[in-house]
Protein backbone atom coordinates (compact mmCIF):
# COMPACT_ATOMS: atom_id res chain seq x y z
CA UNK A 1 -0.04 0.32 0.18
CA UNK A 2 1.50 3.36 -1.05
CA UNK A 3 2.10 6.51 1.24
CA UNK A 4 -0.55 8.21 -0.16
CA UNK A 5 -3.11 5.46 0.15
CA UNK A 6 -2.13 5.09 4.03
CA UNK A 7 -2.37 8.85 4.73
CA UNK A 8 -6.12 8.80 3.02
CA UNK A 9 -7.17 6.08 5.25
CA UNK A 10 -5.69 7.48 8.37
CA UNK A 11 -7.40 10.91 7.17
CA UNK A 12 -10.45 9.35 6.38
CA UNK A 13 -10.82 7.16 9.48
CA UNK A 14 -10.16 10.68 11.55
CA UNK A 15 -12.90 12.38 9.83
CA UNK A 16 -15.52 9.72 10.40
CA UNK A 17 -14.56 9.50 14.38
CA UNK A 18 -14.59 12.93 14.64
CA UNK A 19 -18.25 13.19 13.01
CA UNK A 20 -19.51 10.21 15.00
CA UNK A 21 -18.28 11.68 18.42
CA UNK A 22 -19.82 15.22 17.57
CA UNK A 23 -23.00 13.31 16.67
CA UNK A 24 -23.18 11.14 19.67
CA UNK A 25 -22.53 14.52 22.00
CA UNK A 26 -25.28 16.06 20.43
CA UNK A 27 -27.33 13.06 20.74
CA UNK A 28 -26.88 12.44 24.49
CA UNK A 29 -27.42 15.84 25.14
CA UNK A 30 -30.84 16.30 23.73
CA UNK A 31 -32.03 12.80 25.44
CA UNK A 32 -31.23 13.86 28.94
CA UNK A 33 -33.31 17.10 28.59
CA UNK A 34 -36.50 15.14 29.91
CA UNK A 35 -34.69 13.24 32.21
CA UNK A 36 -37.17 14.34 35.05
CA UNK A 37 -39.94 12.25 33.39
CA UNK A 38 -40.25 8.65 33.13
CA UNK A 39 -40.01 7.13 29.86
CA UNK A 40 -43.31 6.15 28.02
CA UNK A 41 -42.23 2.63 27.56
CA UNK A 42 -41.31 2.10 30.95
CA UNK A 43 -44.62 3.84 32.71
CA UNK A 44 -47.05 0.80 33.92
CA UNK A 45 -50.46 0.34 32.16
CA UNK A 46 -52.70 -2.27 33.13
CA UNK A 47 -54.25 -4.16 30.55
CA UNK A 48 -57.41 -6.33 30.30
CA UNK A 49 -56.61 -9.77 30.99
CA UNK A 50 -56.76 -12.26 27.54
CA UNK A 51 -60.31 -13.06 26.17
CA UNK A 52 -60.74 -17.32 26.71
CA UNK A 53 -60.30 -18.99 23.78
CA UNK A 54 -63.30 -20.56 21.95
CA UNK A 55 -64.77 -23.22 22.86
CA UNK A 56 -64.50 -26.35 20.12
CA UNK A 57 -66.81 -29.28 19.59
CA UNK A 58 -64.85 -32.75 19.85
CA UNK A 59 -67.53 -33.98 17.60
CA UNK A 60 -67.07 -31.40 14.55
CA UNK A 61 -65.54 -33.34 11.74
CA UNK A 62 -62.15 -32.20 10.71
CA UNK A 63 -62.32 -31.17 7.12
CA UNK A 64 -60.75 -33.40 3.99
CA UNK A 65 -58.57 -32.18 1.65
CA UNK A 66 -59.42 -31.95 -2.00
CA UNK A 67 -58.14 -33.67 -4.44
CA UNK A 68 -58.84 -33.04 -7.97
CA UNK A 69 -60.37 -36.12 -9.92
CA UNK A 70 -58.26 -36.41 -13.15
CA UNK A 71 -59.39 -38.41 -16.34
CA UNK A 72 -56.17 -40.89 -17.38
CA UNK A 73 -54.30 -40.73 -20.16
CA UNK A 74 -54.60 -42.78 -23.25
CA UNK A 75 -51.77 -43.46 -25.24
CA UNK A 76 -52.56 -43.29 -29.06
CA UNK A 77 -51.34 -45.35 -31.55
CA UNK A 78 -51.78 -42.89 -34.31
CA UNK A 79 -48.53 -42.15 -36.25
CA UNK A 80 -48.17 -38.58 -37.48
């Protein structure tokens, strides 16, 4: 790898890391602004119990798969 490629790699990596750190600091500063209030996902909300399952009849017949009826193919002895 040439020296100019190494220099480009180091500068590019440094630029990406610098932008990432600046963005992360801005994001964490805005996230701490409302720290006194609980998050909506953490607030306790009581939900009603789930509905019981629908009753099933043990005597109900099970559905049978539908198989299409096909006519047998009879080979012909005619030559073309």
